[in-house]
C-alpha atoms as a PDB file:
ATOM      1  CA  MET A   1     -28.534   7.390  22.596  1.00  0.00           C
ATOM      2  CA  MET A   2     -30.086   3.908  22.428  1.00  0.00           C
ATOM      3  CA  ARG A   3     -28.496   3.251  19.027  1.00  0.00           C
ATOM      4  CA  PHE A   4     -25.080   4.411  20.310  1.00  0.00           C
ATOM      5  CA  GLN A   5     -25.336   2.131  23.351  1.00  0.00           C
ATOM      6  CA  ARG A   6     -26.146  -0.881  21.190  1.00  0.00           C
ATOM      7  CA  ARG A   7     -23.300  -0.102  18.817  1.00  0.00           C
ATOM      8  CA  LEU A   8     -21.002   0.170  21.817  1.00  0.00           C
ATOM      9  CA  LEU A   9     -22.085  -3.233  23.086  1.00  0.00           C
ATOM     10  CA  GLY A  10     -21.173  -4.690  19.703  1.00  0.00           C
ATOM     11  CA  GLY A  11     -17.526  -4.185  20.735  1.00  0.00           C
ATOM     12  CA  LEU A  12     -17.774  -5.323  24.357  1.00  0.00           C
ATOM     13  CA  PHE A  13     -15.373  -8.202  23.849  1.00  0.00           C
ATOM     14  CA  ALA A  14     -12.275  -6.054  23.463  1.00  0.00           C
ATOM     15  CA  VAL A  15      -9.054  -6.195  25.456  1.00  0.00           C
ATOM     16  CA  LEU A  16      -9.771  -5.941  29.184  1.00  0.00           C
ATOM     17  CA  LEU A  17      -6.785  -4.278  30.856  1.00  0.00           C
ATOM     18  CA  ALA A  18      -5.988  -5.484  34.353  1.00  0.00           C
ATOM     19  CA  GLY A  19      -6.861  -2.995  37.092  1.00  0.00           C
ATOM     20  CA  GLY A  20      -7.213  -2.924  40.856  1.00  0.00           C
ATOM     21  CA  ILE A  21      -9.976  -4.829  42.588  1.00  0.00           C
ATOM     22  CA  VAL A  22     -11.847  -2.773  45.175  1.00  0.00           C
ATOM     23  CA  THR A  23     -11.121  -4.024  48.684  1.00  0.00           C
ATOM     24  CA  GLN A  24     -14.223  -5.396  50.378  1.00  0.00           C
ATOM     25  CA  ALA A  25     -14.893  -5.387  54.116  1.00  0.00           C
ATOM     26  CA  ASN A  26     -16.457  -8.842  54.104  1.00  0.00           C
ATOM     27  CA  ALA A  27     -14.230 -11.779  53.122  1.00  0.00           C
ATOM     28  CA  ALA A  28     -17.055 -13.643  51.388  1.00  0.00           C
ATOM     29  CA  ASP A  29     -17.983 -10.523  49.426  1.00  0.00           C
ATOM     30  CA  ALA A  30     -14.334 -10.057  48.507  1.00  0.00           C
ATOM     31  CA  ASP A  31     -14.058 -13.624  47.221  1.00  0.00           C
ATOM     32  CA  PHE A  32     -17.243 -13.269  45.189  1.00  0.00           C
ATOM     33  CA  SER A  33     -16.165  -9.908  43.796  1.00  0.00           C
ATOM     34  CA  LYS A  34     -12.773 -11.217  42.727  1.00  0.00           C
ATOM     35  CA  ALA A  35     -14.325 -14.318  41.165  1.00  0.00           C
ATOM     36  CA  ALA A  36     -16.815 -12.137  39.274  1.00  0.00           C
ATOM     37  CA  ALA A  37     -13.992  -9.909  37.994  1.00  0.00           C
ATOM     38  CA  ASP A  38     -11.987 -12.964  36.920  1.00  0.00           C
ATOM     39  CA  PHE A  39     -15.088 -14.266  35.118  1.00  0.00           C
ATOM     40  CA  VAL A  40     -15.488 -10.998  33.168  1.00  0.00           C
ATOM     41  CA  ILE A  41     -11.774 -11.020  32.276  1.00  0.00           C
ATOM     42  CA  ASP A  42     -12.022 -14.601  31.011  1.00  0.00           C
ATOM     43  CA  LEU A  43     -15.179 -13.749  29.078  1.00  0.00           C
ATOM     44  CA  SER A  44     -13.408 -10.791  27.494  1.00  0.00           C
ATOM     45  CA  ASN A  45     -10.355 -12.849  26.543  1.00  0.00           C
ATOM     46  CA  GLN A  46     -12.534 -15.397  24.792  1.00  0.00           C
ATOM     47  CA  GLY A  47     -14.355 -12.599  23.017  1.00  0.00           C
ATOM     48  CA  ILE A  48     -11.028 -11.177  21.863  1.00  0.00           C
ATOM     49  CA  ALA A  49     -10.218 -14.472  20.194  1.00  0.00           C
ATOM     50  CA  ILE A  50     -13.481 -14.321  18.240  1.00  0.00           C
ATOM     51  CA  VAL A  51     -13.109 -10.660  17.277  1.00  0.00           C
ATOM     52  CA  SER A  52      -9.459 -11.083  16.300  1.00  0.00           C
ATOM     53  CA  ASP A  53     -10.114 -14.063  14.044  1.00  0.00           C
ATOM     54  CA  LYS A  54     -10.353 -12.069  10.827  1.00  0.00           C
ATOM     55  CA  ALA A  55      -9.888 -15.248   8.785  1.00  0.00           C
ATOM     56  CA  SER A  56     -13.350 -16.425   9.860  1.00  0.00           C
ATOM     57  CA  SER A  57     -16.540 -15.304   8.170  1.00  0.00           C
ATOM     58  CA  GLU A  58     -19.620 -14.043  10.007  1.00  0.00           C
ATOM     59  CA  ALA A  59     -21.229 -17.449   9.451  1.00  0.00           C
ATOM     60  CA  GLU A  60     -18.256 -19.103  11.151  1.00  0.00           C
ATOM     61  CA  ARG A  61     -18.098 -16.621  14.031  1.00  0.00           C
ATOM     62  CA  ALA A  62     -21.833 -16.790  14.828  1.00  0.00           C
ATOM     63  CA  PRO A  63     -21.841 -20.285  16.423  1.00  0.00           C
ATOM     64  CA  LYS A  64     -18.735 -19.401  18.426  1.00  0.00           C
ATOM     65  CA  PHE A  65     -20.412 -16.289  19.758  1.00  0.00           C
ATOM     66  CA  LYS A  66     -23.610 -18.236  20.505  1.00  0.00           C
ATOM     67  CA  THR A  67     -21.648 -20.776  22.544  1.00  0.00           C
ATOM     68  CA  LEU A  68     -19.941 -17.982  24.475  1.00  0.00           C
ATOM     69  CA  PHE A  69     -23.214 -16.112  24.961  1.00  0.00           C
ATOM     70  CA  ASP A  70     -25.055 -19.210  26.206  1.00  0.00           C
ATOM     71  CA  ARG A  71     -22.286 -19.997  28.675  1.00  0.00           C
ATOM     72  CA  ALA A  72     -21.756 -16.487  30.005  1.00  0.00           C
ATOM     73  CA  PHE A  73     -25.248 -14.935  29.985  1.00  0.00           C
ATOM     74  CA  ASP A  74     -28.396 -16.119  31.777  1.00  0.00           C
ATOM     75  CA  VAL A  75     -30.598 -15.975  28.680  1.00  0.00           C
ATOM     76  CA  PRO A  76     -33.832 -17.244  30.334  1.00  0.00           C
ATOM     77  CA  ALA A  77     -33.527 -14.767  33.230  1.00  0.00           C
ATOM     78  CA  ILE A  78     -32.761 -11.843  30.927  1.00  0.00           C
ATOM     79  CA  GLY A  79     -35.536 -12.828  28.536  1.00  0.00           C
ATOM     80  CA  LYS A  80     -38.049 -13.114  31.357  1.00  0.00           C
ATOM     81  CA  PHE A  81     -37.054  -9.694  32.662  1.00  0.00           C
ATOM     82  CA  VAL A  82     -37.183  -7.902  29.314  1.00  0.00           C
ATOM     83  CA  LEU A  83     -40.625  -9.347  28.560  1.00  0.00           C
ATOM     84  CA  GLY A  84     -41.738  -7.729  31.818  1.00  0.00           C
ATOM     85  CA  ARG A  85     -45.349  -8.017  32.892  1.00  0.00           C
ATOM     86  CA  TYR A  86     -46.224  -9.810  29.678  1.00  0.00           C
ATOM     87  CA  TRP A  87     -44.286 -12.862  30.878  1.00  0.00           C
ATOM     88  CA  ARG A  88     -47.006 -13.593  33.438  1.00  0.00           C
ATOM     89  CA  THR A  89     -49.752 -13.771  30.820  1.00  0.00           C
ATOM     90  CA  ALA A  90     -47.773 -15.487  28.053  1.00  0.00           C
ATOM     91  CA  THR A  91     -48.456 -19.151  27.338  1.00  0.00           C
ATOM     92  CA  ASP A  92     -45.701 -21.751  27.677  1.00  0.00           C
ATOM     93  CA  THR A  93     -45.523 -21.920  23.882  1.00  0.00           C
ATOM     94  CA  GLN A  94     -45.142 -18.144  23.602  1.00  0.00           C
ATOM     95  CA  LYS A  95     -42.455 -18.096  26.299  1.00  0.00           C
ATOM     96  CA  ALA A  96     -40.420 -20.806  24.581  1.00  0.00           C
ATOM     97  CA  GLU A  97     -40.724 -19.139  21.171  1.00  0.00           C
ATOM     98  CA  PHE A  98     -39.858 -15.723  22.582  1.00  0.00           C
ATOM     99  CA  LEU A  99     -36.736 -16.959  24.396  1.00  0.00           C
ATOM    100  CA  LYS A 100     -35.508 -18.754  21.275  1.00  0.00           C
ATOM    101  CA  LEU A 101     -36.015 -15.677  19.080  1.00  0.00           C
ATOM    102  CA  PHE A 102     -34.626 -13.282  21.696  1.00  0.00           C
ATOM    103  CA  GLU A 103     -31.395 -15.260  21.861  1.00  0.00           C
ATOM    104  CA  GLN A 104     -31.187 -15.428  18.064  1.00  0.00           C
ATOM    105  CA  MET A 105     -31.683 -11.671  17.815  1.00  0.00           C
ATOM    106  CA  VAL A 106     -28.914 -10.878  20.297  1.00  0.00           C
ATOM    107  CA  VAL A 107     -26.434 -13.321  18.750  1.00  0.00           C
ATOM    108  CA  GLN A 108     -27.228 -12.155  15.214  1.00  0.00           C
ATOM    109  CA  THR A 109     -27.027  -8.467  16.119  1.00  0.00           C
ATOM    110  CA  TYR A 110     -23.613  -8.600  17.729  1.00  0.00           C
ATOM    111  CA  THR A 111     -22.135 -11.115  15.320  1.00  0.00           C
ATOM    112  CA  ASN A 112     -23.025  -8.761  12.467  1.00  0.00           C
ATOM    113  CA  ARG A 113     -21.392  -5.873  14.323  1.00  0.00           C
ATOM    114  CA  PHE A 114     -18.043  -7.579  14.857  1.00  0.00           C
ATOM    115  CA  SER A 115     -16.903  -5.786  11.710  1.00  0.00           C
ATOM    116  CA  GLU A 116     -17.462  -2.439  13.487  1.00  0.00           C
ATOM    117  CA  TYR A 117     -14.847  -3.205  16.154  1.00  0.00           C
ATOM    118  CA  SER A 118     -12.312  -0.399  15.981  1.00  0.00           C
ATOM    119  CA  GLY A 119      -9.827  -1.155  18.738  1.00  0.00           C
ATOM    120  CA  GLU A 120     -11.746  -0.083  21.862  1.00  0.00           C
ATOM    121  CA  LYS A 121     -10.174  -1.384  25.060  1.00  0.00           C
ATOM    122  CA  PHE A 122     -11.563  -2.100  28.510  1.00  0.00           C
ATOM    123  CA  GLN A 123      -9.984  -1.080  31.793  1.00  0.00           C
ATOM    124  CA  LEU A 124     -11.027  -2.955  34.910  1.00  0.00           C
ATOM    125  CA  LEU A 125     -11.864  -0.443  37.654  1.00  0.00           C
ATOM    126  CA  GLY A 126     -13.098  -2.715  40.432  1.00  0.00           C
ATOM    127  CA  THR A 127     -16.026  -4.699  41.751  1.00  0.00           C
ATOM    128  CA  ARG A 128     -18.583  -4.310  44.493  1.00  0.00           C
ATOM    129  CA  PRO A 129     -21.304  -6.553  45.924  1.00  0.00           C
ATOM    130  CA  ASP A 130     -24.877  -5.477  45.200  1.00  0.00           C
ATOM    131  CA  GLN A 131     -27.490  -7.585  46.979  1.00  0.00           C
ATOM    132  CA  ASN A 132     -27.096 -11.100  45.554  1.00  0.00           C
ATOM    133  CA  SER A 133     -24.920 -10.001  42.627  1.00  0.00           C
ATOM    134  CA  ALA A 134     -21.598  -8.314  41.936  1.00  0.00           C
ATOM    135  CA  LEU A 135     -21.106  -5.278  39.722  1.00  0.00           C
ATOM    136  CA  VAL A 136     -17.862  -5.412  37.755  1.00  0.00           C
ATOM    137  CA  SER A 137     -16.991  -1.856  36.702  1.00  0.00           C
ATOM    138  CA  THR A 138     -14.944  -1.109  33.593  1.00  0.00           C
ATOM    139  CA  ASN A 139     -14.044   1.864  31.428  1.00  0.00           C
ATOM    140  CA  VAL A 140     -14.166   1.697  27.639  1.00  0.00           C
ATOM    141  CA  LEU A 141     -11.034   3.391  26.324  1.00  0.00           C
ATOM    142  CA  ARG A 142     -11.395   4.775  22.812  1.00  0.00           C
ATOM    143  CA  PRO A 143      -8.442   4.376  20.426  1.00  0.00           C
ATOM    144  CA  THR A 144      -8.884   7.976  19.294  1.00  0.00           C
ATOM    145  CA  GLY A 145      -8.870   9.315  22.857  1.00  0.00           C
ATOM    146  CA  GLY A 146     -11.676  11.209  24.520  1.00  0.00           C
ATOM    147  CA  GLU A 147     -13.559  10.557  27.711  1.00  0.00           C
ATOM    148  CA  PRO A 148     -13.832   6.867  28.668  1.00  0.00           C
ATOM    149  CA  ILE A 149     -17.279   5.302  28.823  1.00  0.00           C
ATOM    150  CA  LYS A 150     -18.292   3.475  32.001  1.00  0.00           C
ATOM    151  CA  VAL A 151     -19.660  -0.034  31.534  1.00  0.00           C
ATOM    152  CA  GLU A 152     -20.765  -2.257  34.426  1.00  0.00           C
ATOM    153  CA  TRP A 153     -21.471  -5.967  34.259  1.00  0.00           C
ATOM    154  CA  ARG A 154     -23.967  -7.435  36.737  1.00  0.00           C
ATOM    155  CA  VAL A 155     -22.828 -10.961  37.579  1.00  0.00           C
ATOM    156  CA  LEU A 156     -24.704 -13.648  39.509  1.00  0.00           C
ATOM    157  CA  SER A 157     -23.331 -16.843  41.017  1.00  0.00           C
ATOM    158  CA  GLU A 158     -25.582 -19.681  39.844  1.00  0.00           C
ATOM    159  CA  PRO A 159     -25.382 -23.469  40.331  1.00  0.00           C
ATOM    160  CA  GLU A 160     -23.890 -23.906  36.843  1.00  0.00           C
ATOM    161  CA  GLY A 161     -21.394 -21.068  37.297  1.00  0.00           C
ATOM    162  CA  TYR A 162     -21.202 -17.291  37.004  1.00  0.00           C
ATOM    163  CA  LYS A 163     -23.621 -15.557  34.647  1.00  0.00           C
ATOM    164  CA  VAL A 164     -24.038 -12.009  33.348  1.00  0.00           C
ATOM    165  CA  VAL A 165     -27.629 -10.787  33.779  1.00  0.00           C
ATOM    166  CA  ASP A 166     -27.234  -7.138  32.751  1.00  0.00           C
ATOM    167  CA  VAL A 167     -24.834  -4.677  31.159  1.00  0.00           C
ATOM    168  CA  ILE A 168     -25.083  -1.049  32.306  1.00  0.00           C
ATOM    169  CA  VAL A 169     -23.646   1.657  30.038  1.00  0.00           C
ATOM    170  CA  GLU A 170     -23.177   5.091  31.622  1.00  0.00           C
ATOM    171  CA  GLY A 171     -25.834   4.255  34.188  1.00  0.00           C
ATOM    172  CA  VAL A 172     -28.344   2.955  31.629  1.00  0.00           C
ATOM    173  CA  SER A 173     -29.351  -0.697  32.009  1.00  0.00           C
ATOM    174  CA  MET A 174     -29.489  -2.561  28.707  1.00  0.00           C
ATOM    175  CA  SER A 175     -32.042  -4.985  30.172  1.00  0.00           C
ATOM    176  CA  VAL A 176     -34.325  -2.149  31.268  1.00  0.00           C
ATOM    177  CA  THR A 177     -33.902  -0.438  27.893  1.00  0.00           C
ATOM    178  CA  GLN A 178     -34.803  -3.646  26.065  1.00  0.00           C
ATOM    179  CA  GLN A 179     -37.808  -4.154  28.349  1.00  0.00           C
ATOM    180  CA  GLN A 180     -39.092  -0.681  27.475  1.00  0.00           C
ATOM    181  CA  ASP A 181     -38.465  -1.291  23.774  1.00  0.00           C
ATOM    182  CA  PHE A 182     -40.372  -4.593  23.775  1.00  0.00           C
ATOM    183  CA  GLY A 183     -43.193  -3.158  25.890  1.00  0.00           C
ATOM    184  CA  SER A 184     -43.703  -0.319  23.418  1.00  0.00           C
ATOM    185  CA  LEU A 185     -43.593  -2.736  20.503  1.00  0.00           C
ATOM    186  CA  ILE A 186     -46.236  -4.988  22.083  1.00  0.00           C
ATOM    187  CA  GLN A 187     -48.527  -2.029  22.706  1.00  0.00           C
ATOM    188  CA  ARG A 188     -48.114  -0.779  19.141  1.00  0.00           C
ATOM    189  CA  SER A 189     -48.783  -4.189  17.633  1.00  0.00           C
ATOM    190  CA  GLY A 190     -52.142  -4.549  19.379  1.00  0.00           C
ATOM    191  CA  ASP A 191     -51.631  -8.313  19.360  1.00  0.00           C
ATOM    192  CA  GLY A 192     -49.857  -8.937  22.659  1.00  0.00           C
ATOM    193  CA  VAL A 193     -46.844 -11.232  22.801  1.00  0.00           C
ATOM    194  CA  ASP A 194     -47.700 -12.681  19.396  1.00  0.00           C
ATOM    195  CA  GLY A 195     -47.014  -9.256  17.887  1.00  0.00           C
ATOM    196  CA  LEU A 196     -43.564  -9.187  19.481  1.00  0.00           C
ATOM    197  CA  ILE A 197     -42.839 -12.723  18.288  1.00  0.00           C
ATOM    198  CA  ARG A 198     -43.693 -11.742  14.715  1.00  0.00           C
ATOM    199  CA  GLU A 199     -41.374  -8.740  14.968  1.00  0.00           C
ATOM    200  CA  LEU A 200     -38.514 -10.876  16.302  1.00  0.00           C
ATOM    201  CA  LYS A 201     -39.032 -13.379  13.486  1.00  0.00           C
ATOM    202  CA  GLU A 202     -38.629 -10.537  10.995  1.00  0.00           C
ATOM    203  CA  ARG A 203     -35.504  -9.295  12.717  1.00  0.00           C
ATOM    204  CA  THR A 204     -33.848 -12.698  12.937  1.00  0.00           C
ATOM    205  CA  SER A 205     -34.732 -13.569   9.351  1.00  0.00           C
ATOM    206  CA  GLY A 206     -32.881 -10.452   8.229  1.00  0.00           C
ATOM    207  CA  ALA A 207     -36.048  -8.808   6.906  1.00  0.00           C
ATOM    208  CA  LYS A 208     -35.802  -5.995   9.440  1.00  0.00           C
ATOM    209  CA  ALA A 209     -32.754  -4.771  11.340  1.00  0.00           C
ATOM    210  CA  PRO A 210     -33.156  -3.801  15.028  1.00  0.00           C
ATOM    211  CA  ASP A 211     -33.069  -0.102  15.917  1.00  0.00           C
END
């Protein structure tokens, strides 16, 4: 299941078909929800341009994806969350190294999987406020038919703009899944955060592919 979810996320930047925005009772919530939906649509459109550029090599697409990822995702917040309780005991040097490698791993993983894109499309279902964030709900429509897959994007409004802080596939949070994965890896290594950092160095150097 985890492998399927990650493969699915490799094609997240497909065509996002316009759908209805859920009507909100509160005007401020409605404005935020619409802005969050517009942000996801814009993010998707930019992703389409990268995916559709078959004339570019992986090496050429990688920096484009990194720029998009840095702009659209709150990497420090996600990294802090997925490191979990180990963030509190990590040194400043470990935190900086982990965040750098975590970003490299994500960018490398999904850049490599651009070639697996097979025409999946996204249908916008609606948005709803959820505490200090908005959840933008979409369906993944498979080109071969079959039941659509529900994907939700958790979006925050931050001083520098809107940011994605989690992607939820069929009710399973990718951030929570990654936190569990890293926690298990740290425990197995027996060397704390340094063990995780070594693993991420292997993954980003191409010596070991992520599960």
